[in-house]
Amino acid sequence: MPTFETFLDQMKAAGVQILNEGALTTMARQVSDWPAVVADVAVRGRKQGIIFERVTADVPTDDGLETILSDFSFTPQEARAVIDNTFPMGAIAGVKV
């Protein structure tokens, strides 16, 4: 299985910034099913300051994210959770990291 670090590298190269990446990394490294952790954090991680942001409203596109996620062991539901919770930069106001 491709590694979590490879996943992070691909997301960054595509134009996704992850706020509080260190907290996500700590959580993902504690389990073998890290895609499930990433999906859960994409949905619920804002309380911990973990936010997935696109560099602009449409970069990367949903299709671009789907292509990246398909290279890893995300279920269709997990992939959708990540895509739906990757916001345009600055869209989530008031989060302190």
PDB file of N, CA and C in Angstrom:
ATOM      1  N   MET A   1       0.851  -1.178   0.000  1.00  0.00           N
ATOM      2  CA  MET A   1       0.000   0.000   0.000  1.00  0.00           C
ATOM      3  C   MET A   1       0.896   1.241   0.000  1.00  0.00           C
ATOM      4  N   PRO A   2       0.557   2.221  -0.825  1.00  0.00           N
ATOM      5  CA  PRO A   2       1.318   3.477  -0.804  1.00  0.00           C
ATOM      6  C   PRO A   2       1.256   4.113   0.588  1.00  0.00           C
ATOM      7  N   THR A   3       2.271   4.855   0.904  1.00  0.00           N
ATOM      8  CA  THR A   3       2.392   5.401   2.255  1.00  0.00           C
ATOM      9  C   THR A   3       1.602   6.693   2.439  1.00  0.00           C
ATOM     10  N   PHE A   4       1.371   6.994   3.699  1.00  0.00           N
ATOM     11  CA  PHE A   4       0.721   8.247   4.069  1.00  0.00           C
ATOM     12  C   PHE A   4       1.552   9.432   3.585  1.00  0.00           C
ATOM     13  N   GLU A   5       2.864   9.327   3.701  1.00  0.00           N
ATOM     14  CA  GLU A   5       3.737  10.422   3.271  1.00  0.00           C
ATOM     15  C   GLU A   5       3.618  10.665   1.769  1.00  0.00           C
ATOM     16  N   THR A   6       3.497   9.594   0.989  1.00  0.00           N
ATOM     17  CA  THR A   6       3.301   9.734  -0.454  1.00  0.00           C
ATOM     18  C   THR A   6       1.977  10.434  -0.738  1.00  0.00           C
ATOM     19  N   PHE A   7       0.949  10.066   0.008  1.00  0.00           N
ATOM     20  CA  PHE A   7      -0.353  10.720  -0.116  1.00  0.00           C
ATOM     21  C   PHE A   7      -0.222  12.220   0.145  1.00  0.00           C
ATOM     22  N   LEU A   8       0.430  12.585   1.247  1.00  0.00           N
ATOM     23  CA  LEU A   8       0.610  14.008   1.567  1.00  0.00           C
ATOM     24  C   LEU A   8       1.354  14.731   0.449  1.00  0.00           C
ATOM     25  N   ASP A   9       2.415  14.125  -0.044  1.00  0.00           N
ATOM     26  CA  ASP A   9       3.196  14.738  -1.125  1.00  0.00           C
ATOM     27  C   ASP A   9       2.337  14.976  -2.359  1.00  0.00           C
ATOM     28  N   GLN A  10       1.508  14.009  -2.717  1.00  0.00           N
ATOM     29  CA  GLN A  10       0.656  14.164  -3.901  1.00  0.00           C
ATOM     30  C   GLN A  10      -0.403  15.238  -3.690  1.00  0.00           C
ATOM     31  N   MET A  11      -0.977  15.286  -2.503  1.00  0.00           N
ATOM     32  CA  MET A  11      -1.984  16.319  -2.221  1.00  0.00           C
ATOM     33  C   MET A  11      -1.354  17.711  -2.296  1.00  0.00           C
ATOM     34  N   LYS A  12      -0.180  17.868  -1.713  1.00  0.00           N
ATOM     35  CA  LYS A  12       0.508  19.165  -1.756  1.00  0.00           C
ATOM     36  C   LYS A  12       0.865  19.550  -3.183  1.00  0.00           C
ATOM     37  N   ALA A  13       1.363  18.597  -3.951  1.00  0.00           N
ATOM     38  CA  ALA A  13       1.734  18.871  -5.345  1.00  0.00           C
ATOM     39  C   ALA A  13       0.519  19.279  -6.170  1.00  0.00           C
ATOM     40  N   ALA A  14      -0.652  18.780  -5.796  1.00  0.00           N
ATOM     41  CA  ALA A  14      -1.879  19.116  -6.526  1.00  0.00           C
ATOM     42  C   ALA A  14      -2.438  20.472  -6.121  1.00  0.00           C
ATOM     43  N   GLY A  15      -1.972  21.015  -4.994  1.00  0.00           N
ATOM     44  CA  GLY A  15      -2.456  22.315  -4.554  1.00  0.00           C
ATOM     45  C   GLY A  15      -3.351  22.266  -3.334  1.00  0.00           C
ATOM     46  N   VAL A  16      -3.183  21.247  -2.501  1.00  0.00           N
ATOM     47  CA  VAL A  16      -3.941  21.157  -1.255  1.00  0.00           C
ATOM     48  C   VAL A  16      -2.996  21.467  -0.103  1.00  0.00           C
ATOM     49  N   GLN A  17      -3.423  22.398   0.728  1.00  0.00           N
ATOM     50  CA  GLN A  17      -2.694  22.733   1.954  1.00  0.00           C
ATOM     51  C   GLN A  17      -3.478  22.126   3.109  1.00  0.00           C
ATOM     52  N   ILE A  18      -2.786  21.495   4.039  1.00  0.00           N
ATOM     53  CA  ILE A  18      -3.448  20.924   5.208  1.00  0.00           C
ATOM     54  C   ILE A  18      -2.984  21.699   6.430  1.00  0.00           C
ATOM     55  N   LEU A  19      -3.909  22.450   7.001  1.00  0.00           N
ATOM     56  CA  LEU A  19      -3.599  23.201   8.213  1.00  0.00           C
ATOM     57  C   LEU A  19      -3.527  22.222   9.381  1.00  0.00           C
ATOM     58  N   ASN A  20      -2.578  22.429  10.261  1.00  0.00           N
ATOM     59  CA  ASN A  20      -2.305  21.549  11.394  1.00  0.00           C
ATOM     60  C   ASN A  20      -1.984  20.134  10.904  1.00  0.00           C
ATOM     61  N   GLU A  21      -1.175  20.082   9.877  1.00  0.00           N
ATOM     62  CA  GLU A  21      -0.755  18.809   9.280  1.00  0.00           C
ATOM     63  C   GLU A  21      -0.095  17.884  10.297  1.00  0.00           C
ATOM     64  N   GLY A  22       0.611  18.455  11.243  1.00  0.00           N
ATOM     65  CA  GLY A  22       1.283  17.637  12.252  1.00  0.00           C
ATOM     66  C   GLY A  22       0.313  16.789  13.054  1.00  0.00           C
ATOM     67  N   ALA A  23      -0.828  17.357  13.422  1.00  0.00           N
ATOM     68  CA  ALA A  23      -1.831  16.599  14.177  1.00  0.00           C
ATOM     69  C   ALA A  23      -2.397  15.466  13.328  1.00  0.00           C
ATOM     70  N   LEU A  24      -2.667  15.747  12.056  1.00  0.00           N
ATOM     71  CA  LEU A  24      -3.154  14.704  11.152  1.00  0.00           C
ATOM     72  C   LEU A  24      -2.115  13.594  11.015  1.00  0.00           C
ATOM     73  N   THR A  25      -0.868  13.973  10.837  1.00  0.00           N
ATOM     74  CA  THR A  25       0.202  12.988  10.677  1.00  0.00           C
ATOM     75  C   THR A  25       0.311  12.094  11.908  1.00  0.00           C
ATOM     76  N   THR A  26       0.248  12.682  13.082  1.00  0.00           N
ATOM     77  CA  THR A  26       0.309  11.904  14.317  1.00  0.00           C
ATOM     78  C   THR A  26      -0.823  10.887  14.379  1.00  0.00           C
ATOM     79  N   MET A  27      -2.027  11.314  14.048  1.00  0.00           N
ATOM     80  CA  MET A  27      -3.180  10.415  14.092  1.00  0.00           C
ATOM     81  C   MET A  27      -3.066   9.313  13.045  1.00  0.00           C
ATOM     82  N   ALA A  28      -2.655   9.662  11.847  1.00  0.00           N
ATOM     83  CA  ALA A  28      -2.590   8.688  10.753  1.00  0.00           C
ATOM     84  C   ALA A  28      -1.511   7.639  10.987  1.00  0.00           C
ATOM     85  N   ARG A  29      -0.432   8.020  11.618  1.00  0.00           N
ATOM     86  CA  ARG A  29       0.672   7.076  11.851  1.00  0.00           C
ATOM     87  C   ARG A  29       0.365   6.063  12.946  1.00  0.00           C
ATOM     88  N   GLN A  30      -0.702   6.282  13.692  1.00  0.00           N
ATOM     89  CA  GLN A  30      -1.044   5.376  14.787  1.00  0.00           C
ATOM     90  C   GLN A  30      -1.845   4.159  14.335  1.00  0.00           C
ATOM     91  N   VAL A  31      -2.307   4.153  13.087  1.00  0.00           N
ATOM     92  CA  VAL A  31      -3.167   3.066  12.602  1.00  0.00           C
ATOM     93  C   VAL A  31      -2.713   2.602  11.226  1.00  0.00           C
ATOM     94  N   SER A  32      -3.079   1.380  10.879  1.00  0.00           N
ATOM     95  CA  SER A  32      -2.735   0.889   9.541  1.00  0.00           C
ATOM     96  C   SER A  32      -3.716   1.407   8.495  1.00  0.00           C
ATOM     97  N   ASP A  33      -4.978   1.645   8.887  1.00  0.00           N
ATOM     98  CA  ASP A  33      -5.989   2.141   7.947  1.00  0.00           C
ATOM     99  C   ASP A  33      -6.018   3.666   7.974  1.00  0.00           C
ATOM    100  N   TRP A  34      -4.892   4.272   7.582  1.00  0.00           N
ATOM    101  CA  TRP A  34      -4.799   5.730   7.632  1.00  0.00           C
ATOM    102  C   TRP A  34      -5.785   6.428   6.689  1.00  0.00           C
ATOM    103  N   PRO A  35      -6.200   5.845   5.552  1.00  0.00           N
ATOM    104  CA  PRO A  35      -7.206   6.542   4.740  1.00  0.00           C
ATOM    105  C   PRO A  35      -8.502   6.809   5.511  1.00  0.00           C
ATOM    106  N   ALA A  36      -8.912   5.880   6.369  1.00  0.00           N
ATOM    107  CA  ALA A  36     -10.117   6.096   7.174  1.00  0.00           C
ATOM    108  C   ALA A  36      -9.920   7.263   8.130  1.00  0.00           C
ATOM    109  N   VAL A  37      -8.728   7.378   8.703  1.00  0.00           N
ATOM    110  CA  VAL A  37      -8.421   8.490   9.605  1.00  0.00           C
ATOM    111  C   VAL A  37      -8.457   9.809   8.838  1.00  0.00           C
ATOM    112  N   VAL A  38      -7.850   9.840   7.663  1.00  0.00           N
ATOM    113  CA  VAL A  38      -7.838  11.060   6.848  1.00  0.00           C
ATOM    114  C   VAL A  38      -9.266  11.483   6.522  1.00  0.00           C
ATOM    115  N   ALA A  39     -10.109  10.539   6.115  1.00  0.00           N
ATOM    116  CA  ALA A  39     -11.493  10.864   5.776  1.00  0.00           C
ATOM    117  C   ALA A  39     -12.243  11.391   6.992  1.00  0.00           C
ATOM    118  N   ASP A  40     -12.066  10.745   8.139  1.00  0.00           N
ATOM    119  CA  ASP A  40     -12.741  11.189   9.352  1.00  0.00           C
ATOM    120  C   ASP A  40     -12.278  12.579   9.759  1.00  0.00           C
ATOM    121  N   VAL A  41     -10.983  12.814   9.672  1.00  0.00           N
ATOM    122  CA  VAL A  41     -10.439  14.126  10.035  1.00  0.00           C
ATOM    123  C   VAL A  41     -10.905  15.201   9.049  1.00  0.00           C
ATOM    124  N   ALA A  42     -11.036  14.854   7.788  1.00  0.00           N
ATOM    125  CA  ALA A  42     -11.532  15.832   6.812  1.00  0.00           C
ATOM    126  C   ALA A  42     -12.920  16.320   7.208  1.00  0.00           C
ATOM    127  N   VAL A  43     -13.728  15.415   7.759  1.00  0.00           N
ATOM    128  CA  VAL A  43     -15.092  15.764   8.161  1.00  0.00           C
ATOM    129  C   VAL A  43     -15.126  16.420   9.535  1.00  0.00           C
ATOM    130  N   ARG A  44     -14.378  15.886  10.493  1.00  0.00           N
ATOM    131  CA  ARG A  44     -14.509  16.295  11.895  1.00  0.00           C
ATOM    132  C   ARG A  44     -13.312  17.043  12.473  1.00  0.00           C
ATOM    133  N   GLY A  45     -12.267  17.221  11.713  1.00  0.00           N
ATOM    134  CA  GLY A  45     -11.025  17.751  12.251  1.00  0.00           C
ATOM    135  C   GLY A  45     -10.958  19.244  12.478  1.00  0.00           C
ATOM    136  N   ARG A  46     -11.960  19.982  12.036  1.00  0.00           N
ATOM    137  CA  ARG A  46     -11.890  21.443  12.182  1.00  0.00           C
ATOM    138  C   ARG A  46     -11.811  21.874  13.644  1.00  0.00           C
ATOM    139  N   LYS A  47     -12.407  21.091  14.541  1.00  0.00           N
ATOM    140  CA  LYS A  47     -12.326  21.421  15.972  1.00  0.00           C
ATOM    141  C   LYS A  47     -10.883  21.383  16.463  1.00  0.00           C
ATOM    142  N   GLN A  48     -10.057  20.595  15.798  1.00  0.00           N
ATOM    143  CA  GLN A  48      -8.644  20.482  16.157  1.00  0.00           C
ATOM    144  C   GLN A  48      -7.776  21.355  15.262  1.00  0.00           C
ATOM    145  N   GLY A  49      -8.411  22.166  14.425  1.00  0.00           N
ATOM    146  CA  GLY A  49      -7.665  23.048  13.538  1.00  0.00           C
ATOM    147  C   GLY A  49      -7.115  22.363  12.306  1.00  0.00           C
ATOM    148  N   ILE A  50      -7.602  21.153  12.003  1.00  0.00           N
ATOM    149  CA  ILE A  50      -7.145  20.432  10.817  1.00  0.00           C
ATOM    150  C   ILE A  50      -8.117  20.729   9.681  1.00  0.00           C
ATOM    151  N   ILE A  51      -7.602  21.404   8.664  1.00  0.00           N
ATOM    152  CA  ILE A  51      -8.436  21.831   7.537  1.00  0.00           C
ATOM    153  C   ILE A  51      -7.704  21.528   6.244  1.00  0.00           C
ATOM    154  N   PHE A  52      -8.433  20.980   5.295  1.00  0.00           N
ATOM    155  CA  PHE A  52      -7.910  20.728   3.958  1.00  0.00           C
ATOM    156  C   PHE A  52      -8.347  21.898   3.087  1.00  0.00           C
ATOM    157  N   GLU A  53      -7.381  22.615   2.506  1.00  0.00           N
ATOM    158  CA  GLU A  53      -7.682  23.797   1.694  1.00  0.00           C
ATOM    159  C   GLU A  53      -7.107  23.660   0.288  1.00  0.00           C
ATOM    160  N   ARG A  54      -7.897  24.091  -0.695  1.00  0.00           N
ATOM    161  CA  ARG A  54      -7.439  24.173  -2.079  1.00  0.00           C
ATOM    162  C   ARG A  54      -6.771  25.530  -2.271  1.00  0.00           C
ATOM    163  N   VAL A  55      -5.783  25.612  -3.153  1.00  0.00           N
ATOM    164  CA  VAL A  55      -5.109  26.887  -3.365  1.00  0.00           C
ATOM    165  C   VAL A  55      -6.056  27.924  -3.947  1.00  0.00           C
ATOM    166  N   THR A  56      -7.036  27.506  -4.725  1.00  0.00           N
ATOM    167  CA  THR A  56      -8.090  28.391  -5.220  1.00  0.00           C
ATOM    168  C   THR A  56      -9.399  27.623  -5.176  1.00  0.00           C
ATOM    169  N   ALA A  57     -10.472  28.260  -5.598  1.00  0.00           N
ATOM    170  CA  ALA A  57     -11.784  27.613  -5.564  1.00  0.00           C
ATOM    171  C   ALA A  57     -11.837  26.352  -6.410  1.00  0.00           C
ATOM    172  N   ASP A  58     -11.032  26.292  -7.468  1.00  0.00           N
ATOM    173  CA  ASP A  58     -11.140  25.150  -8.374  1.00  0.00           C
ATOM    174  C   ASP A  58      -9.818  24.430  -8.643  1.00  0.00           C
ATOM    175  N   VAL A  59      -8.814  24.664  -7.823  1.00  0.00           N
ATOM    176  CA  VAL A  59      -7.541  23.951  -7.967  1.00  0.00           C
ATOM    177  C   VAL A  59      -7.169  23.374  -6.614  1.00  0.00           C
ATOM    178  N   PRO A  60      -7.070  22.075  -6.522  1.00  0.00           N
ATOM    179  CA  PRO A  60      -7.360  21.095  -7.559  1.00  0.00           C
ATOM    180  C   PRO A  60      -8.860  20.889  -7.724  1.00  0.00           C
ATOM    181  N   THR A  61      -9.239  20.386  -8.867  1.00  0.00           N
ATOM    182  CA  THR A  61     -10.650  20.083  -9.116  1.00  0.00           C
ATOM    183  C   THR A  61     -11.054  18.842  -8.320  1.00  0.00           C
ATOM    184  N   ASP A  62     -12.359  18.640  -8.207  1.00  0.00           N
ATOM    185  CA  ASP A  62     -12.835  17.416  -7.562  1.00  0.00           C
ATOM    186  C   ASP A  62     -12.316  16.188  -8.306  1.00  0.00           C
ATOM    187  N   ASP A  63     -12.312  16.253  -9.640  1.00  0.00           N
ATOM    188  CA  ASP A  63     -11.798  15.129 -10.431  1.00  0.00           C
ATOM    189  C   ASP A  63     -10.316  14.892 -10.151  1.00  0.00           C
ATOM    190  N   GLY A  64      -9.568  15.975  -9.997  1.00  0.00           N
ATOM    191  CA  GLY A  64      -8.150  15.847  -9.681  1.00  0.00           C
ATOM    192  C   GLY A  64      -7.934  15.186  -8.331  1.00  0.00           C
ATOM    193  N   LEU A  65      -8.740  15.588  -7.346  1.00  0.00           N
ATOM    194  CA  LEU A  65      -8.645  14.957  -6.027  1.00  0.00           C
ATOM    195  C   LEU A  65      -9.039  13.487  -6.103  1.00  0.00           C
ATOM    196  N   GLU A  66     -10.084  13.208  -6.860  1.00  0.00           N
ATOM    197  CA  GLU A  66     -10.536  11.820  -6.999  1.00  0.00           C
ATOM    198  C   GLU A  66      -9.440  10.940  -7.606  1.00  0.00           C
ATOM    199  N   THR A  67      -8.720  11.488  -8.569  1.00  0.00           N
ATOM    200  CA  THR A  67      -7.625  10.743  -9.189  1.00  0.00           C
ATOM    201  C   THR A  67      -6.540  10.427  -8.167  1.00  0.00           C
ATOM    202  N   ILE A  68      -6.188  11.413  -7.353  1.00  0.00           N
ATOM    203  CA  ILE A  68      -5.181  11.183  -6.311  1.00  0.00           C
ATOM    204  C   ILE A  68      -5.662  10.121  -5.327  1.00  0.00           C
ATOM    205  N   LEU A  69      -6.880  10.286  -4.847  1.00  0.00           N
ATOM    206  CA  LEU A  69      -7.400   9.374  -3.833  1.00  0.00           C
ATOM    207  C   LEU A  69      -7.527   7.951  -4.361  1.00  0.00           C
ATOM    208  N   SER A  70      -7.771   7.804  -5.653  1.00  0.00           N
ATOM    209  CA  SER A  70      -7.910   6.464  -6.235  1.00  0.00           C
ATOM    210  C   SER A  70      -6.588   5.698  -6.233  1.00  0.00           C
ATOM    211  N   ASP A  71      -5.481   6.410  -6.085  1.00  0.00           N
ATOM    212  CA  ASP A  71      -4.173   5.749  -6.008  1.00  0.00           C
ATOM    213  C   ASP A  71      -3.907   5.133  -4.633  1.00  0.00           C
ATOM    214  N   PHE A  72      -4.789   5.404  -3.688  1.00  0.00           N
ATOM    215  CA  PHE A  72      -4.632   4.924  -2.321  1.00  0.00           C
ATOM    216  C   PHE A  72      -5.867   4.097  -1.963  1.00  0.00           C
ATOM    217  N   SER A  73      -5.897   3.523  -0.791  1.00  0.00           N
ATOM    218  CA  SER A  73      -6.977   2.594  -0.447  1.00  0.00           C
ATOM    219  C   SER A  73      -8.168   3.275   0.225  1.00  0.00           C
ATOM    220  N   PHE A  74      -8.575   4.422  -0.307  1.00  0.00           N
ATOM    221  CA  PHE A  74      -9.784   5.086   0.174  1.00  0.00           C
ATOM    222  C   PHE A  74     -11.004   4.362  -0.386  1.00  0.00           C
ATOM    223  N   THR A  75     -12.010   4.128   0.453  1.00  0.00           N
ATOM    224  CA  THR A  75     -13.278   3.624  -0.061  1.00  0.00           C
ATOM    225  C   THR A  75     -13.947   4.768  -0.820  1.00  0.00           C
ATOM    226  N   PRO A  76     -14.951   4.492  -1.644  1.00  0.00           N
ATOM    227  CA  PRO A  76     -15.656   5.594  -2.318  1.00  0.00           C
ATOM    228  C   PRO A  76     -16.232   6.615  -1.329  1.00  0.00           C
ATOM    229  N   GLN A  77     -16.732   6.144  -0.194  1.00  0.00           N
ATOM    230  CA  GLN A  77     -17.293   7.056   0.808  1.00  0.00           C
ATOM    231  C   GLN A  77     -16.203   7.907   1.454  1.00  0.00           C
ATOM    232  N   GLU A  78     -15.064   7.302   1.726  1.00  0.00           N
ATOM    233  CA  GLU A  78     -13.949   8.055   2.310  1.00  0.00           C
ATOM    234  C   GLU A  78     -13.428   9.094   1.333  1.00  0.00           C
ATOM    235  N   ALA A  79     -13.304   8.717   0.073  1.00  0.00           N
ATOM    236  CA  ALA A  79     -12.843   9.665  -0.944  1.00  0.00           C
ATOM    237  C   ALA A  79     -13.807  10.837  -1.046  1.00  0.00           C
ATOM    238  N   ARG A  80     -15.100  10.561  -1.046  1.00  0.00           N
ATOM    239  CA  ARG A  80     -16.107  11.626  -1.138  1.00  0.00           C
ATOM    240  C   ARG A  80     -16.003  12.541   0.070  1.00  0.00           C
ATOM    241  N   ALA A  81     -15.759  11.993   1.254  1.00  0.00           N
ATOM    242  CA  ALA A  81     -15.624  12.813   2.463  1.00  0.00           C
ATOM    243  C   ALA A  81     -14.450  13.772   2.339  1.00  0.00           C
ATOM    244  N   VAL A  82     -13.331  13.296   1.817  1.00  0.00           N
ATOM    245  CA  VAL A  82     -12.158  14.159   1.644  1.00  0.00           C
ATOM    246  C   VAL A  82     -12.442  15.232   0.599  1.00  0.00           C
ATOM    247  N   ILE A  83     -13.006  14.843  -0.533  1.00  0.00           N
ATOM    248  CA  ILE A  83     -13.295  15.800  -1.611  1.00  0.00           C
ATOM    249  C   ILE A  83     -14.266  16.872  -1.132  1.00  0.00           C
ATOM    250  N   ASP A  84     -15.352  16.445  -0.484  1.00  0.00           N
ATOM    251  CA  ASP A  84     -16.380  17.395  -0.040  1.00  0.00           C
ATOM    252  C   ASP A  84     -15.895  18.316   1.070  1.00  0.00           C
ATOM    253  N   ASN A  85     -14.831  17.938   1.746  1.00  0.00           N
ATOM    254  CA  ASN A  85     -14.320  18.735   2.863  1.00  0.00           C
ATOM    255  C   ASN A  85     -12.936  19.301   2.592  1.00  0.00           C
ATOM    256  N   THR A  86     -12.617  19.493   1.318  1.00  0.00           N
ATOM    257  CA  THR A  86     -11.413  20.219   0.915  1.00  0.00           C
ATOM    258  C   THR A  86     -11.905  21.546   0.360  1.00  0.00           C
ATOM    259  N   PHE A  87     -11.738  22.591   1.154  1.00  0.00           N
ATOM    260  CA  PHE A  87     -12.367  23.878   0.903  1.00  0.00           C
ATOM    261  C   PHE A  87     -11.439  24.845   0.176  1.00  0.00           C
ATOM    262  N   PRO A  88     -12.026  25.846  -0.501  1.00  0.00           N
ATOM    263  CA  PRO A  88     -11.179  26.915  -1.054  1.00  0.00           C
ATOM    264  C   PRO A  88     -10.428  27.606   0.088  1.00  0.00           C
ATOM    265  N   MET A  89      -9.200  28.020  -0.180  1.00  0.00           N
ATOM    266  CA  MET A  89      -8.376  28.653   0.841  1.00  0.00           C
ATOM    267  C   MET A  89      -9.116  29.829   1.475  1.00  0.00           C
ATOM    268  N   GLY A  90      -9.133  29.845   2.794  1.00  0.00           N
ATOM    269  CA  GLY A  90      -9.759  30.931   3.528  1.00  0.00           C
ATOM    270  C   GLY A  90     -11.253  30.790   3.723  1.00  0.00           C
ATOM    271  N   ALA A  91     -11.862  29.737   3.214  1.00  0.00           N
ATOM    272  CA  ALA A  91     -13.314  29.578   3.320  1.00  0.00           C
ATOM    273  C   ALA A  91     -13.763  29.279   4.744  1.00  0.00           C
ATOM    274  N   ILE A  92     -12.893  28.690   5.527  1.00  0.00           N
ATOM    275  CA  ILE A  92     -13.218  28.375   6.917  1.00  0.00           C
ATOM    276  C   ILE A  92     -12.569  29.442   7.783  1.00  0.00           C
ATOM    277  N   ALA A  93     -13.355  30.405   8.202  1.00  0.00           N
ATOM    278  CA  ALA A  93     -12.828  31.527   8.988  1.00  0.00           C
ATOM    279  C   ALA A  93     -12.858  31.197  10.475  1.00  0.00           C
ATOM    280  N   GLY A  94     -11.981  31.818  11.197  1.00  0.00           N
ATOM    281  CA  GLY A  94     -12.003  31.738  12.645  1.00  0.00           C
ATOM    282  C   GLY A  94     -11.357  30.508  13.243  1.00  0.00           C
ATOM    283  N   VAL A  95     -10.693  29.716  12.445  1.00  0.00           N
ATOM    284  CA  VAL A  95     -10.016  28.538  12.985  1.00  0.00           C
ATOM    285  C   VAL A  95      -8.605  28.938  13.371  1.00  0.00           C
ATOM    286  N   LYS A  96      -8.245  28.639  14.606  1.00  0.00           N
ATOM    287  CA  LYS A  96      -6.896  28.946  15.076  1.00  0.00           C
ATOM    288  C   LYS A  96      -6.059  27.687  14.990  1.00  0.00           C
ATOM    289  N   VAL A  97      -4.875  27.831  14.419  1.00  0.00           N
ATOM    290  CA  VAL A  97      -3.984  26.683  14.284  1.00  0.00           C
ATOM    291  C   VAL A  97      -2.801  26.867  15.199  1.00  0.00           C
TER     292      VAL A  97
END
